[in-house]
Structures are given as C-alpha cells and as structure tokens.
Protein backbone atom coordinates (compact mmCIF):
# COMPACT_ATOMS: atom_id res chain seq x y z
CA MET A 1 74.08 86.77 101.30
CA SER A 2 76.45 89.14 103.07
CA THR A 3 75.02 92.39 104.39
CA GLY A 4 78.28 94.31 104.09
CA VAL A 5 78.54 94.93 107.83
CA GLY A 6 82.13 93.69 107.82
CA ARG A 7 83.06 96.17 105.11
CA ARG A 8 81.34 99.02 106.94
CA ILE A 9 83.30 98.21 110.08
CA ALA A 10 86.62 97.49 108.34
CA GLY A 11 86.82 100.89 106.62
CA PRO A 12 86.68 102.97 109.81
CA ALA A 13 88.90 100.49 111.65
CA VAL A 14 91.62 100.81 109.02
CA SER A 15 91.50 104.62 109.06
CA ILE A 16 91.60 104.72 112.86
CA LEU A 17 94.47 102.25 113.04
CA GLY A 18 96.32 104.27 110.41
CA ALA A 19 95.92 107.46 112.44
CA LEU A 20 97.08 105.72 115.61
CA LEU A 21 100.04 104.20 113.78
CA ALA A 22 101.02 107.64 112.49
CA ALA A 23 100.74 109.02 116.01
CA GLY A 24 102.94 106.20 117.31
CA VAL A 25 105.58 106.85 114.64
CA VAL A 26 105.60 110.55 115.50
CA TRP A 27 105.92 109.71 119.20
CA LEU A 28 108.85 107.34 118.61
CA ALA A 29 110.61 109.84 116.37
CA TYR A 30 110.10 112.52 119.00
CA ASP A 31 111.54 110.32 121.76
CA GLN A 32 114.55 109.20 119.74
CA MET A 33 115.45 112.61 118.38
CA ALA A 34 114.95 114.32 121.73
CA LEU A 35 117.20 111.80 123.43
CA LEU A 36 119.89 111.97 120.75
CA ARG A 37 119.99 115.69 120.06
CA GLY A 38 118.18 117.34 122.93
CA LEU A 39 116.59 119.91 120.63
CA TRP A 40 113.97 122.06 122.31
CA ILE A 41 112.07 122.56 119.04
CA LEU A 42 111.05 118.89 119.10
CA SER A 43 108.66 119.68 121.92
CA GLU A 44 106.39 121.08 119.19
CA LEU A 45 105.94 117.55 117.82
CA ARG A 46 103.73 116.71 120.76
CA TYR A 47 101.10 118.90 119.12
CA VAL A 48 101.33 116.79 115.97
CA LEU A 49 100.83 113.68 118.11
CA LEU A 50 97.88 115.28 119.86
CA ALA A 51 96.37 116.22 116.49
CA CYS A 52 96.69 112.61 115.29
CA ILE A 53 94.97 111.32 118.42
CA VAL A 54 92.17 113.89 118.14
CA PHE A 55 91.72 113.02 114.46
CA ALA A 56 91.47 109.32 115.33
CA ALA A 57 88.90 110.04 118.06
CA PHE A 58 86.76 112.20 115.78
CA THR A 59 87.00 109.64 112.98
CA LEU A 60 85.86 106.90 115.35
CA ALA A 61 82.97 109.01 116.66
CA GLU A 62 81.86 110.04 113.17
CA ARG A 63 82.00 106.52 111.80
CA ALA A 64 80.23 105.07 114.84
CA THR A 65 77.39 107.59 114.69
CA GLY A 66 77.12 107.07 110.93
CA LEU A 67 76.73 103.33 111.44
CA ILE A 68 74.13 103.87 114.16
CA ARG A 69 72.17 106.30 111.98
CA ARG A 70 72.21 103.88 109.04
CA ARG A 71 70.98 101.03 111.23
CA TRP A 72 68.13 103.14 112.62
CA ILE A 73 67.16 104.30 109.16
CA ASP A 74 67.35 100.76 107.78
CA THR A 75 65.31 99.21 110.59
CA ASP A 76 62.74 102.01 110.96
CA SER A 77 61.92 102.45 107.29
CA PRO A 78 58.38 101.32 106.39
CA SER A 79 59.57 99.56 103.23
CA HIS A 80 60.86 96.57 105.24
C-alpha cells in the first residue's frame, strides 16, 4: 500500500516550480521590454522577481519543515 509520500512531495514541488516559472517569465518580460523600449520604470520589476524567488524559498522551507515534523510525529508516536 502506498504511504502517500509521493503526493506529499509532489504538492510542494509543483508550487515551487510554479513560483520559479512565474519568476522566469517576469525576468524574460523585463529583459525584452527593457531592451526594446528602454523604459526606466521596468527596473521596478526586479522587485517582483525578487518577491517570487523569496516566496519560492519560503514555500520550500515551510513544506520541508512540515514534512520533517510529520515524520518525527509519525515515528515517535507511541501508537506505532
């Protein structure tokens, strides 16, 4: 019987990859628009990219610590 470990890992992986993909799209849009138009206001988009990266890092850390906590609780519980 499956323990669901794959599902617990796949959920965070998908959300992290989604955040990184969004950051990559923002970065490409920033590069293309800055090269084509040379608008100084596009420099503000780097903060959006930074926010996406920080979100991905925090999501990874939260999911990883959640998985660790669940494993410790599951293995240390006296009912096993």
